[in-house]
C-alpha atoms as a PDB file:
ATOM      1  CA  MET A   1      -4.841   0.605   3.230  1.00  0.00           C
ATOM      2  CA  SER A   2      -5.721  -2.007   0.515  1.00  0.00           C
ATOM      3  CA  ILE A   3      -5.792  -5.576   1.420  1.00  0.00           C
ATOM      4  CA  ARG A   4      -2.094  -6.251  -0.975  1.00  0.00           C
ATOM      5  CA  ILE A   5      -0.193  -3.625   0.726  1.00  0.00           C
ATOM      6  CA  PHE A   6      -1.456  -5.130   4.022  1.00  0.00           C
ATOM      7  CA  LYS A   7      -0.461  -8.675   3.100  1.00  0.00           C
ATOM      8  CA  GLN A   8       2.853  -7.394   1.624  1.00  0.00           C
ATOM      9  CA  ILE A   9       3.845  -5.519   4.958  1.00  0.00           C
ATOM     10  CA  TYR A  10       2.419  -8.359   7.202  1.00  0.00           C
ATOM     11  CA  PHE A  11       4.390 -10.910   5.531  1.00  0.00           C
ATOM     12  CA  ARG A  12       7.331  -9.227   5.650  1.00  0.00           C
ATOM     13  CA  LEU A  13       7.695  -8.868   9.649  1.00  0.00           C
ATOM     14  CA  PRO A  14       9.281 -11.088  11.944  1.00  0.00           C
ATOM     15  CA  VAL A  15       7.724 -14.421  12.817  1.00  0.00           C
ATOM     16  CA  ILE A  16       7.205 -13.266  16.358  1.00  0.00           C
ATOM     17  CA  LEU A  17       5.598  -9.928  15.449  1.00  0.00           C
ATOM     18  CA  LYS A  18       3.388 -11.778  12.933  1.00  0.00           C
ATOM     19  CA  LEU A  19       2.003 -14.220  15.909  1.00  0.00           C
ATOM     20  CA  LEU A  20       1.405 -11.060  18.271  1.00  0.00           C
ATOM     21  CA  ILE A  21      -0.608  -9.183  15.500  1.00  0.00           C
ATOM     22  CA  THR A  22      -2.549 -12.641  14.810  1.00  0.00           C
ATOM     23  CA  ILE A  23      -3.289 -13.011  18.503  1.00  0.00           C
ATOM     24  CA  LEU A  24      -4.427  -9.703  18.813  1.00  0.00           C
ATOM     25  CA  MET A  25      -6.739  -9.544  16.088  1.00  0.00           C
ATOM     26  CA  LEU A  26      -8.155 -13.048  16.978  1.00  0.00           C
ATOM     27  CA  MET A  27      -8.682 -11.921  21.050  1.00  0.00           C
ATOM     28  CA  LEU A  28     -10.569  -8.752  19.731  1.00  0.00           C
ATOM     29  CA  LEU A  29     -12.636 -10.542  17.225  1.00  0.00           C
ATOM     30  CA  PHE A  30     -13.423 -13.249  20.196  1.00  0.00           C
ATOM     31  CA  GLY A  31     -14.056 -10.548  22.341  1.00  0.00           C
ATOM     32  CA  MET A  32     -16.665  -8.733  20.042  1.00  0.00           C
ATOM     33  CA  VAL A  33     -18.716 -11.934  19.115  1.00  0.00           C
ATOM     34  CA  ILE A  34     -19.109 -12.954  22.959  1.00  0.00           C
ATOM     35  CA  HIS A  35     -20.339  -9.430  23.740  1.00  0.00           C
ATOM     36  CA  PHE A  36     -23.026  -9.230  21.336  1.00  0.00           C
ATOM     37  CA  VAL A  37     -23.840 -12.725  21.904  1.00  0.00           C
ATOM     38  CA  GLU A  38     -23.891 -12.398  25.899  1.00  0.00           C
ATOM     39  CA  PRO A  39     -24.345  -8.610  26.336  1.00  0.00           C
ATOM     40  CA  GLN A  40     -25.679  -9.211  30.113  1.00  0.00           C
ATOM     41  CA  GLN A  41     -22.579 -11.528  31.228  1.00  0.00           C
ATOM     42  CA  PHE A  42     -20.061  -9.155  28.820  1.00  0.00           C
ATOM     43  CA  PRO A  43     -21.332  -5.698  29.313  1.00  0.00           C
ATOM     44  CA  THR A  44     -18.617  -3.905  27.238  1.00  0.00           C
ATOM     45  CA  ILE A  45     -16.455  -5.109  24.376  1.00  0.00           C
ATOM     46  CA  PHE A  46     -13.199  -4.559  26.766  1.00  0.00           C
ATOM     47  CA  ASP A  47     -14.761  -7.096  29.066  1.00  0.00           C
ATOM     48  CA  GLY A  48     -14.999  -9.833  26.037  1.00  0.00           C
ATOM     49  CA  ILE A  49     -11.612  -8.981  24.966  1.00  0.00           C
ATOM     50  CA  TRP A  50     -10.709  -9.663  28.849  1.00  0.00           C
ATOM     51  CA  TRP A  51     -12.349 -12.838  29.023  1.00  0.00           C
ATOM     52  CA  ALA A  52     -11.027 -13.921  25.553  1.00  0.00           C
ATOM     53  CA  PHE A  53      -7.337 -13.616  26.376  1.00  0.00           C
ATOM     54  CA  VAL A  54      -7.596 -15.224  30.337  1.00  0.00           C
ATOM     55  CA  THR A  55      -9.262 -17.974  28.704  1.00  0.00           C
ATOM     56  CA  ALA A  56      -6.874 -18.479  25.806  1.00  0.00           C
ATOM     57  CA  ALA A  57      -4.100 -18.304  28.048  1.00  0.00           C
ATOM     58  CA  THR A  58      -5.852 -20.978  30.207  1.00  0.00           C
ATOM     59  CA  VAL A  59      -5.377 -18.521  33.307  1.00  0.00           C
ATOM     60  CA  GLY A  60      -9.195 -18.913  33.926  1.00  0.00           C
ATOM     61  CA  TYR A  61     -10.209 -16.520  36.785  1.00  0.00           C
ATOM     62  CA  GLY A  62     -13.933 -16.813  36.526  1.00  0.00           C
ATOM     63  CA  ASP A  63     -14.879 -13.331  36.856  1.00  0.00           C
ATOM     64  CA  TYR A  64     -16.575 -13.615  33.083  1.00  0.00           C
ATOM     65  CA  VAL A  65     -18.173 -16.816  32.139  1.00  0.00           C
ATOM     66  CA  PRO A  66     -20.588 -17.563  29.094  1.00  0.00           C
ATOM     67  CA  LEU A  67     -23.703 -19.204  30.369  1.00  0.00           C
ATOM     68  CA  SER A  68     -25.524 -19.951  26.881  1.00  0.00           C
ATOM     69  CA  VAL A  69     -24.864 -22.688  24.557  1.00  0.00           C
ATOM     70  CA  ALA A  70     -23.949 -20.411  21.719  1.00  0.00           C
ATOM     71  CA  GLY A  71     -21.381 -18.651  24.146  1.00  0.00           C
ATOM     72  CA  LYS A  72     -19.887 -21.914  25.499  1.00  0.00           C
ATOM     73  CA  LEU A  73     -19.173 -22.858  21.726  1.00  0.00           C
ATOM     74  CA  ILE A  74     -17.551 -19.531  21.323  1.00  0.00           C
ATOM     75  CA  ALA A  75     -15.281 -20.456  24.402  1.00  0.00           C
ATOM     76  CA  ILE A  76     -14.666 -24.153  23.418  1.00  0.00           C
ATOM     77  CA  LEU A  77     -13.570 -22.657  19.712  1.00  0.00           C
ATOM     78  CA  LEU A  78     -11.724 -20.125  21.376  1.00  0.00           C
ATOM     79  CA  ILE A  79      -9.864 -22.503  23.577  1.00  0.00           C
ATOM     80  CA  LEU A  80      -8.967 -24.802  20.655  1.00  0.00           C
ATOM     81  CA  THR A  81      -7.897 -21.672  18.656  1.00  0.00           C
ATOM     82  CA  GLY A  82      -6.421 -19.102  20.901  1.00  0.00           C
ATOM     83  CA  GLY A  83      -4.788 -21.327  23.113  1.00  0.00           C
ATOM     84  CA  GLY A  84      -2.760 -22.886  20.519  1.00  0.00           C
ATOM     85  CA  LEU A  85      -1.529 -19.494  18.977  1.00  0.00           C
ATOM     86  CA  ILE A  86      -0.585 -18.268  22.436  1.00  0.00           C
ATOM     87  CA  ALA A  87       1.610 -21.235  23.325  1.00  0.00           C
ATOM     88  CA  PHE A  88       3.122 -20.994  19.815  1.00  0.00           C
ATOM     89  CA  TYR A  89       4.101 -17.386  20.493  1.00  0.00           C
ATOM     90  CA  ILE A  90       5.719 -18.139  23.902  1.00  0.00           C
ATOM     91  CA  THR A  91       7.330 -21.217  22.462  1.00  0.00           C
ATOM     92  CA  SER A  92       8.508 -18.956  19.705  1.00  0.00           C
ATOM     93  CA  LEU A  93       9.837 -15.908  21.983  1.00  0.00           C
ATOM     94  CA  SER A  94      11.692 -18.472  24.022  1.00  0.00           C
ATOM     95  CA  ALA A  95      13.307 -20.096  20.704  1.00  0.00           C
ATOM     96  CA  ALA A  96      14.035 -16.454  19.361  1.00  0.00           C
ATOM     97  CA  THR A  97      15.656 -15.364  22.612  1.00  0.00           C
ATOM     98  CA  ILE A  98      17.999 -18.428  22.624  1.00  0.00           C
ATOM     99  CA  GLN A  99      18.614 -18.071  18.845  1.00  0.00           C
ATOM    100  CA  HIS A 100      19.764 -14.305  19.716  1.00  0.00           C
ATOM    101  CA  GLU A 101      22.116 -15.355  22.442  1.00  0.00           C
ATOM    102  CA  ARG A 102      23.681 -18.004  20.310  1.00  0.00           C
ATOM    103  CA  ASP A 103      23.994 -15.346  17.392  1.00  0.00           C
ATOM    104  CA  LEU A 104      25.409 -12.946  19.781  1.00  0.00           C
ATOM    105  CA  GLU A 105      28.018 -15.509  21.250  1.00  0.00           C
ATOM    106  CA  GLY A 106      28.756 -16.751  17.411  1.00  0.00           C
ATOM    107  CA  GLY A 107      29.630 -13.180  16.531  1.00  0.00           C
ATOM    108  CA  ARG A 108      26.818 -12.836  13.881  1.00  0.00           C
ATOM    109  CA  LEU A 109      24.990  -9.708  15.436  1.00  0.00           C
ATOM    110  CA  ALA A 110      25.594  -5.976  14.326  1.00  0.00           C
ATOM    111  CA  PHE A 111      26.733  -3.528  16.877  1.00  0.00           C
ATOM    112  CA  LYS A 112      24.204  -0.465  17.228  1.00  0.00           C
ATOM    113  CA  GLY A 113      26.348   1.311  19.859  1.00  0.00           C
ATOM    114  CA  SER A 114      28.687   4.026  19.399  1.00  0.00           C
ATOM    115  CA  ASN A 115      31.474   5.728  21.135  1.00  0.00           C
ATOM    116  CA  HIS A 116      33.143   2.149  21.653  1.00  0.00           C
ATOM    117  CA  LEU A 117      36.376   0.636  21.667  1.00  0.00           C
ATOM    118  CA  ILE A 118      36.938  -1.862  18.510  1.00  0.00           C
ATOM    119  CA  LEU A 119      39.662  -4.632  19.093  1.00  0.00           C
ATOM    120  CA  VAL A 120      40.963  -6.489  16.056  1.00  0.00           C
ATOM    121  CA  GLY A 121      42.458  -9.390  16.987  1.00  0.00           C
ATOM    122  CA  TRP A 122      41.977 -12.424  19.702  1.00  0.00           C
ATOM    123  CA  ASN A 123      45.083 -13.409  21.472  1.00  0.00           C
ATOM    124  CA  GLU A 124      46.665 -13.050  24.947  1.00  0.00           C
ATOM    125  CA  ARG A 125      47.158  -9.183  24.718  1.00  0.00           C
ATOM    126  CA  THR A 126      43.629  -8.692  23.993  1.00  0.00           C
ATOM    127  CA  ARG A 127      42.366 -10.950  26.802  1.00  0.00           C
ATOM    128  CA  GLN A 128      44.559  -9.097  29.491  1.00  0.00           C
ATOM    129  CA  LEU A 129      43.551  -5.869  28.008  1.00  0.00           C
ATOM    130  CA  ILE A 130      39.947  -6.637  28.411  1.00  0.00           C
ATOM    131  CA  LYS A 131      40.525  -7.250  32.218  1.00  0.00           C
ATOM    132  CA  ILE A 132      42.187  -4.220  32.292  1.00  0.00           C
ATOM    133  CA  ILE A 133      39.695  -2.031  30.748  1.00  0.00           C
ATOM    134  CA  THR A 134      36.655  -3.347  32.629  1.00  0.00           C
ATOM    135  CA  LYS A 135      38.569  -2.742  35.704  1.00  0.00           C
ATOM    136  CA  THR A 136      39.331   0.896  35.044  1.00  0.00           C
ATOM    137  CA  THR A 137      36.783   1.878  32.877  1.00  0.00           C
ATOM    138  CA  PRO A 138      33.768  -0.412  33.124  1.00  0.00           C
ATOM    139  CA  ASP A 139      31.317   1.915  30.995  1.00  0.00           C
ATOM    140  CA  LEU A 140      33.600   1.482  27.924  1.00  0.00           C
ATOM    141  CA  ARG A 141      31.765  -0.960  25.611  1.00  0.00           C
ATOM    142  CA  ILE A 142      34.160  -3.201  23.586  1.00  0.00           C
ATOM    143  CA  VAL A 143      33.838  -4.640  20.220  1.00  0.00           C
ATOM    144  CA  LEU A 144      36.055  -7.497  19.285  1.00  0.00           C
ATOM    145  CA  ILE A 145      36.737  -8.817  15.841  1.00  0.00           C
ATOM    146  CA  ASP A 146      38.486 -12.053  15.266  1.00  0.00           C
ATOM    147  CA  ARG A 147      37.903 -14.305  12.339  1.00  0.00           C
ATOM    148  CA  THR A 148      39.528 -17.646  14.073  1.00  0.00           C
ATOM    149  CA  LEU A 149      37.043 -17.598  16.943  1.00  0.00           C
ATOM    150  CA  GLN A 150      34.015 -19.257  16.710  1.00  0.00           C
ATOM    151  CA  HIS A 151      32.325 -18.434  19.925  1.00  0.00           C
ATOM    152  CA  VAL A 152      32.811 -15.787  22.824  1.00  0.00           C
ATOM    153  CA  ALA A 153      30.719 -16.176  26.020  1.00  0.00           C
ATOM    154  CA  PHE A 154      29.711 -12.375  27.479  1.00  0.00           C
ATOM    155  CA  GLN A 155      29.775 -13.636  30.967  1.00  0.00           C
ATOM    156  CA  ASN A 156      33.521 -14.332  30.441  1.00  0.00           C
ATOM    157  CA  TYR A 157      34.451 -11.638  28.393  1.00  0.00           C
ATOM    158  CA  PRO A 158      32.001  -8.368  28.227  1.00  0.00           C
ATOM    159  CA  VAL A 159      32.673  -7.642  24.574  1.00  0.00           C
ATOM    160  CA  HIS A 160      30.292  -7.662  21.711  1.00  0.00           C
ATOM    161  CA  PHE A 161      31.803 -10.377  19.279  1.00  0.00           C
ATOM    162  CA  ILE A 162      32.023  -9.848  15.634  1.00  0.00           C
ATOM    163  CA  GLN A 163      33.340 -12.931  13.500  1.00  0.00           C
ATOM    164  CA  GLY A 164      34.802 -11.886  10.697  1.00  0.00           C
ATOM    165  CA  ASP A 165      37.697 -10.517   8.831  1.00  0.00           C
ATOM    166  CA  ALA A 166      38.669  -6.945   9.608  1.00  0.00           C
ATOM    167  CA  THR A 167      39.568  -6.486   6.177  1.00  0.00           C
ATOM    168  CA  GLU A 168      36.180  -6.770   4.557  1.00  0.00           C
ATOM    169  CA  ASP A 169      33.830  -3.545   4.457  1.00  0.00           C
ATOM    170  CA  GLU A 170      30.866  -6.012   5.495  1.00  0.00           C
ATOM    171  CA  THR A 171      32.624  -6.841   9.148  1.00  0.00           C
ATOM    172  CA  LEU A 172      33.504  -3.299   9.813  1.00  0.00           C
ATOM    173  CA  VAL A 173      29.998  -2.068   9.327  1.00  0.00           C
ATOM    174  CA  LYS A 174      28.671  -4.927  11.489  1.00  0.00           C
ATOM    175  CA  ALA A 175      31.259  -3.431  14.321  1.00  0.00           C
ATOM    176  CA  ASN A 176      29.667   0.545  13.731  1.00  0.00           C
ATOM    177  CA  VAL A 177      33.455   1.459  12.823  1.00  0.00           C
ATOM    178  CA  GLU A 178      31.783   4.740  11.873  1.00  0.00           C
ATOM    179  CA  LEU A 179      30.781   5.545  14.801  1.00  0.00           C
ATOM    180  CA  ALA A 180      33.524   3.989  17.371  1.00  0.00           C
ATOM    181  CA  GLU A 181      35.904   6.240  19.462  1.00  0.00           C
ATOM    182  CA  ARG A 182      39.197   4.310  18.431  1.00  0.00           C
ATOM    183  CA  VAL A 183      40.577   0.854  17.402  1.00  0.00           C
ATOM    184  CA  LEU A 184      43.519  -1.231  18.319  1.00  0.00           C
ATOM    185  CA  ILE A 185      45.130  -3.625  15.750  1.00  0.00           C
ATOM    186  CA  THR A 186      47.080  -6.549  17.444  1.00  0.00           C
ATOM    187  CA  ALA A 187      49.609  -8.299  15.396  1.00  0.00           C
ATOM    188  CA  ASP A 188      48.979 -12.017  14.944  1.00  0.00           C
ATOM    189  CA  ILE A 189      52.142 -13.743  16.508  1.00  0.00           C
ATOM    190  CA  SER A 190      50.858 -17.422  15.200  1.00  0.00           C
ATOM    191  CA  LYS A 191      51.976 -16.026  11.688  1.00  0.00           C
ATOM    192  CA  ARG A 192      55.350 -14.735  10.103  1.00  0.00           C
ATOM    193  CA  GLU A 193      56.164 -11.334  10.611  1.00  0.00           C
ATOM    194  CA  ARG A 194      55.721  -9.915   7.220  1.00  0.00           C
ATOM    195  CA  GLN A 195      52.192 -11.874   6.957  1.00  0.00           C
ATOM    196  CA  ALA A 196      51.237 -10.429  10.052  1.00  0.00           C
ATOM    197  CA  ASP A 197      52.141  -6.938   9.293  1.00  0.00           C
ATOM    198  CA  ASN A 198      50.232  -7.232   5.788  1.00  0.00           C
ATOM    199  CA  TYR A 199      46.951  -7.944   7.634  1.00  0.00           C
ATOM    200  CA  THR A 200      47.492  -5.155   9.904  1.00  0.00           C
ATOM    201  CA  ILE A 201      48.056  -2.727   7.429  1.00  0.00           C
ATOM    202  CA  LEU A 202      45.379  -4.142   5.159  1.00  0.00           C
ATOM    203  CA  THR A 203      43.082  -3.590   8.305  1.00  0.00           C
ATOM    204  CA  THR A 204      44.151  -0.060   8.664  1.00  0.00           C
ATOM    205  CA  VAL A 205      43.365   0.569   5.141  1.00  0.00           C
ATOM    206  CA  ALA A 206      39.776  -1.068   5.625  1.00  0.00           C
ATOM    207  CA  ILE A 207      39.080   0.928   8.863  1.00  0.00           C
ATOM    208  CA  ARG A 208      40.449   4.449   7.237  1.00  0.00           C
ATOM    209  CA  GLY A 209      38.485   4.109   4.338  1.00  0.00           C
ATOM    210  CA  ASN A 210      35.266   3.880   6.542  1.00  0.00           C
ATOM    211  CA  ASN A 211      36.213   6.214   9.094  1.00  0.00           C
ATOM    212  CA  LYS A 212      38.486   9.009   8.146  1.00  0.00           C
ATOM    213  CA  GLU A 213      38.937  10.766  11.413  1.00  0.00           C
ATOM    214  CA  ILE A 214      38.961   7.645  13.856  1.00  0.00           C
ATOM    215  CA  PRO A 215      42.443   7.029  15.710  1.00  0.00           C
ATOM    216  CA  ILE A 216      43.986   3.849  14.785  1.00  0.00           C
ATOM    217  CA  VAL A 217      46.293   2.066  17.100  1.00  0.00           C
ATOM    218  CA  ALA A 218      48.311  -0.805  14.972  1.00  0.00           C
ATOM    219  CA  GLU A 219      50.707  -3.251  16.596  1.00  0.00           C
ATOM    220  CA  VAL A 220      53.744  -3.874  13.798  1.00  0.00           C
ATOM    221  CA  LEU A 221      56.343  -6.496  14.350  1.00  0.00           C
ATOM    222  CA  SER A 222      58.464  -5.637  11.347  1.00  0.00           C
ATOM    223  CA  LYS A 223      60.303  -2.547  11.785  1.00  0.00           C
ATOM    224  CA  VAL A 224      60.730  -2.196   7.980  1.00  0.00           C
ATOM    225  CA  GLN A 225      56.769  -2.064   8.116  1.00  0.00           C
ATOM    226  CA  ILE A 226      56.214   1.011  10.377  1.00  0.00           C
ATOM    227  CA  GLU A 227      56.214   3.561   7.380  1.00  0.00           C
ATOM    228  CA  ASN A 228      53.687   1.640   5.634  1.00  0.00           C
ATOM    229  CA  ALA A 229      51.431   1.293   8.567  1.00  0.00           C
ATOM    230  CA  LEU A 230      51.724   5.093   8.888  1.00  0.00           C
ATOM    231  CA  ARG A 231      50.834   5.492   5.103  1.00  0.00           C
ATOM    232  CA  ALA A 232      48.152   3.325   5.218  1.00  0.00           C
ATOM    233  CA  GLY A 233      46.308   5.391   7.963  1.00  0.00           C
ATOM    234  CA  ALA A 234      47.519   4.445  11.262  1.00  0.00           C
ATOM    235  CA  THR A 235      47.876   7.124  13.820  1.00  0.00           C
ATOM    236  CA  THR A 236      50.061   5.236  16.420  1.00  0.00           C
ATOM    237  CA  ILE A 237      52.455   2.444  16.000  1.00  0.00           C
ATOM    238  CA  ILE A 238      52.996   0.021  18.634  1.00  0.00           C
ATOM    239  CA  ARG A 239      56.637  -1.380  18.034  1.00  0.00           C
ATOM    240  CA  SER A 240      56.027  -4.549  20.412  1.00  0.00           C
ATOM    241  CA  ASN A 241      59.324  -6.196  19.312  1.00  0.00           C
ATOM    242  CA  ASP A 242      61.349  -3.281  19.997  1.00  0.00           C
ATOM    243  CA  PHE A 243      59.890  -2.785  23.289  1.00  0.00           C
ATOM    244  CA  MET A 244      60.317  -6.504  24.277  1.00  0.00           C
ATOM    245  CA  SER A 245      63.916  -6.217  23.009  1.00  0.00           C
ATOM    246  CA  ALA A 246      64.654  -3.224  25.391  1.00  0.00           C
ATOM    247  CA  LEU A 247      62.988  -5.246  28.258  1.00  0.00           C
ATOM    248  CA  PHE A 248      64.847  -8.071  27.601  1.00  0.00           C
ATOM    249  CA  TYR A 249      68.127  -6.082  27.826  1.00  0.00           C
ATOM    250  CA  HIS A 250      67.077  -4.689  31.232  1.00  0.00           C
ATOM    251  CA  GLU A 251      66.326  -8.203  32.366  1.00  0.00           C
ATOM    252  CA  LEU A 252      69.953  -9.178  31.479  1.00  0.00           C
ATOM    253  CA  SER A 253      71.933  -6.142  32.334  1.00  0.00           C
ATOM    254  CA  HIS A 254      69.990  -4.560  35.437  1.00  0.00           C
ATOM    255  CA  ILE A 255      71.373  -4.643  39.026  1.00  0.00           C
ATOM    256  CA  LYS A 256      70.240  -7.515  41.271  1.00  0.00           C
ATOM    257  CA  ALA A 257      68.053  -4.829  43.512  1.00  0.00           C
ATOM    258  CA  ALA A 258      65.882  -4.042  40.638  1.00  0.00           C
ATOM    259  CA  THR A 259      63.075  -5.977  38.707  1.00  0.00           C
ATOM    260  CA  PRO A 260      62.587  -3.794  35.757  1.00  0.00           C
ATOM    261  CA  PHE A 261      59.542  -5.818  34.314  1.00  0.00           C
ATOM    262  CA  GLU A 262      57.607  -6.014  37.278  1.00  0.00           C
ATOM    263  CA  ASP A 263      58.352  -2.434  37.890  1.00  0.00           C
ATOM    264  CA  ILE A 264      57.238  -1.272  34.488  1.00  0.00           C
ATOM    265  CA  LEU A 265      53.962  -3.523  34.813  1.00  0.00           C
ATOM    266  CA  GLN A 266      52.997  -1.684  38.129  1.00  0.00           C
ATOM    267  CA  ILE A 267      53.987   1.459  36.534  1.00  0.00           C
ATOM    268  CA  LEU A 268      51.386   1.074  33.538  1.00  0.00           C
ATOM    269  CA  ASN A 269      48.692  -0.634  35.774  1.00  0.00           C
ATOM    270  CA  SER A 270      48.541   2.492  37.972  1.00  0.00           C
ATOM    271  CA  GLN A 271      49.682   5.236  36.003  1.00  0.00           C
ATOM    272  CA  GLN A 272      49.518   7.076  32.791  1.00  0.00           C
ATOM    273  CA  PHE A 273      51.903   8.942  30.640  1.00  0.00           C
ATOM    274  CA  HIS A 274      50.698  12.536  30.243  1.00  0.00           C
ATOM    275  CA  HIS A 275      52.276  15.280  27.793  1.00  0.00           C
ATOM    276  CA  SER A 276      51.378  18.924  28.178  1.00  0.00           C
ATOM    277  CA  LYS A 277      52.776  22.062  26.443  1.00  0.00           C
ATOM    278  CA  LEU A 278      55.379  24.195  28.816  1.00  0.00           C
ATOM    279  CA  PRO A 279      53.191  27.272  29.748  1.00  0.00           C
ATOM    280  CA  GLU A 280      54.674  30.723  28.763  1.00  0.00           C
ATOM    281  CA  ASP A 281      55.116  31.586  32.226  1.00  0.00           C
ATOM    282  CA  LEU A 282      57.428  28.863  32.997  1.00  0.00           C
ATOM    283  CA  ASP A 283      59.894  29.624  30.094  1.00  0.00           C
ATOM    284  CA  ASN A 284      63.300  29.310  30.718  1.00  0.00           C
ATOM    285  CA  LYS A 285      62.902  27.904  34.141  1.00  0.00           C
ATOM    286  CA  PRO A 286      65.189  25.179  35.937  1.00  0.00           C
ATOM    287  CA  PHE A 287      63.719  21.271  35.475  1.00  0.00           C
ATOM    288  CA  ILE A 288      63.906  21.153  39.184  1.00  0.00           C
ATOM    289  CA  TYR A 289      61.312  24.454  39.926  1.00  0.00           C
ATOM    290  CA  ILE A 290      58.739  22.721  37.340  1.00  0.00           C
ATOM    291  CA  SER A 291      59.012  19.244  38.886  1.00  0.00           C
ATOM    292  CA  LYS A 292      58.222  20.612  42.239  1.00  0.00           C
ATOM    293  CA  LEU A 293      55.198  22.714  41.048  1.00  0.00           C
ATOM    294  CA  HIS A 294      54.373  19.256  39.325  1.00  0.00           C
ATOM    295  CA  SER A 295      54.615  17.166  42.237  1.00  0.00           C
ATOM    296  CA  LYS A 296      52.231  19.175  44.386  1.00  0.00           C
ATOM    297  CA  LYS A 297      49.254  18.132  41.711  1.00  0.00           C
ATOM    298  CA  GLN A 298      50.655  14.579  42.215  1.00  0.00           C
ATOM    299  CA  HIS A 299      52.062  14.601  38.683  1.00  0.00           C
ATOM    300  CA  LEU A 300      55.732  12.979  38.576  1.00  0.00           C
ATOM    301  CA  LEU A 301      57.645  14.779  35.879  1.00  0.00           C
ATOM    302  CA  LEU A 302      59.952  12.731  34.209  1.00  0.00           C
ATOM    303  CA  GLY A 303      61.443  14.695  31.645  1.00  0.00           C
ATOM    304  CA  LEU A 304      60.545  16.657  28.520  1.00  0.00           C
ATOM    305  CA  ILE A 305      60.243  16.091  24.581  1.00  0.00           C
ATOM    306  CA  ARG A 306      62.211  18.708  22.519  1.00  0.00           C
ATOM    307  CA  ASN A 307      62.522  18.583  18.559  1.00  0.00           C
ATOM    308  CA  LYS A 308      61.259  15.098  18.867  1.00  0.00           C
ATOM    309  CA  THR A 309      64.193  14.572  21.208  1.00  0.00           C
ATOM    310  CA  TYR A 310      63.364  13.086  24.504  1.00  0.00           C
ATOM    311  CA  HIS A 311      65.328  14.321  27.578  1.00  0.00           C
ATOM    312  CA  LEU A 312      64.543  12.019  30.570  1.00  0.00           C
ATOM    313  CA  ASN A 313      65.666  12.974  33.996  1.00  0.00           C
ATOM    314  CA  PRO A 314      67.546  16.302  32.951  1.00  0.00           C
ATOM    315  CA  PRO A 315      69.878  17.665  35.223  1.00  0.00           C
ATOM    316  CA  ALA A 316      68.191  19.685  37.939  1.00  0.00           C
ATOM    317  CA  GLU A 317      69.354  23.084  36.185  1.00  0.00           C
ATOM    318  CA  PHE A 318      68.431  22.161  32.896  1.00  0.00           C
ATOM    319  CA  LEU A 319      66.598  25.125  31.470  1.00  0.00           C
ATOM    320  CA  VAL A 320      63.176  24.474  29.890  1.00  0.00           C
ATOM    321  CA  LYS A 321      62.460  26.440  26.899  1.00  0.00           C
ATOM    322  CA  GLU A 322      59.308  27.509  25.143  1.00  0.00           C
ATOM    323  CA  GLY A 323      57.781  24.877  22.798  1.00  0.00           C
ATOM    324  CA  ASP A 324      59.220  21.694  25.106  1.00  0.00           C
ATOM    325  CA  ILE A 325      56.579  19.014  25.856  1.00  0.00           C
ATOM    326  CA  LEU A 326      56.803  17.808  29.384  1.00  0.00           C
ATOM    327  CA  LEU A 327      56.518  14.315  29.909  1.00  0.00           C
ATOM    328  CA  SER A 328      55.033  12.970  33.082  1.00  0.00           C
ATOM    329  CA  LEU A 329      53.270  10.237  35.239  1.00  0.00           C
ATOM    330  CA  VAL A 330      49.719  10.857  36.308  1.00  0.00           C
ATOM    331  CA  ASN A 331      47.540   8.620  38.175  1.00  0.00           C
ATOM    332  CA  TRP A 332      44.595   7.002  36.130  1.00  0.00           C
ATOM    333  CA  GLN A 333      41.880   8.621  38.089  1.00  0.00           C
ATOM    334  CA  ASN A 334      43.024  11.898  37.233  1.00  0.00           C
END
């Protein structure tokens, strides 16, 4: 390798790596020199290198000591040069570690993992979702993308933060969307509904352009934008306004002995909805019979879906047909 190529490679390396290489070369040089100057005190080159590191780091074990004037002059030169380099290396390493933490909390570092969940938008819903995920699925890695946040401390929220606009490819590449497992886009309720939905749709288009197969769950506030979100590539649409309106109605109309909001919250925290195709051997069986079979597996059968129409809590003798989708509640652990 020519000196010119070596210099090109060397000066492109990070500062810490360049310092480390320089220290290693310097310690090797002093180790060889002291070995040739005092071969009786330093029988091998490795002994000389060991002495050089111990002396430059100001540890001073005293197992190898130069006795001649020339050897002592070499030791003085080593202390003046190598000691400063090692101190500078340790300082630079500490500074780089602190800067890395700052860059991580400031959302400036790219995510290198895979099979992760990407959350777009920071709000109270996202904050609560992170708490639920870390409690129920602690091994799932989360990447948070937001353009308004400036700082997220990992010790408070165990996510990899990316500061930027999710509609831009550069931000999505940082989040490694190509290797992600799925994406959730939450609506910005601080903006007007149409403006928030437009950002959701643009984000969906950008994500779909970077990953053709990834499932995208998008929150849409306005009902008229649902079709546009689906056209943009969203896999699932969360109609939060429709859900909250139905919940408000239940809270206003329910009997006093019930608490709809708390009931639904407890169900969603401990149970998950499960869809399954009706087995062939259960064709034309009554609903009550299939319900008893599910209860043995700790599956609570709620109803069925036939031709995209929900039949919830049907009569006991309701006959289930081939092609029906059974809707049940299952423990998260299952």
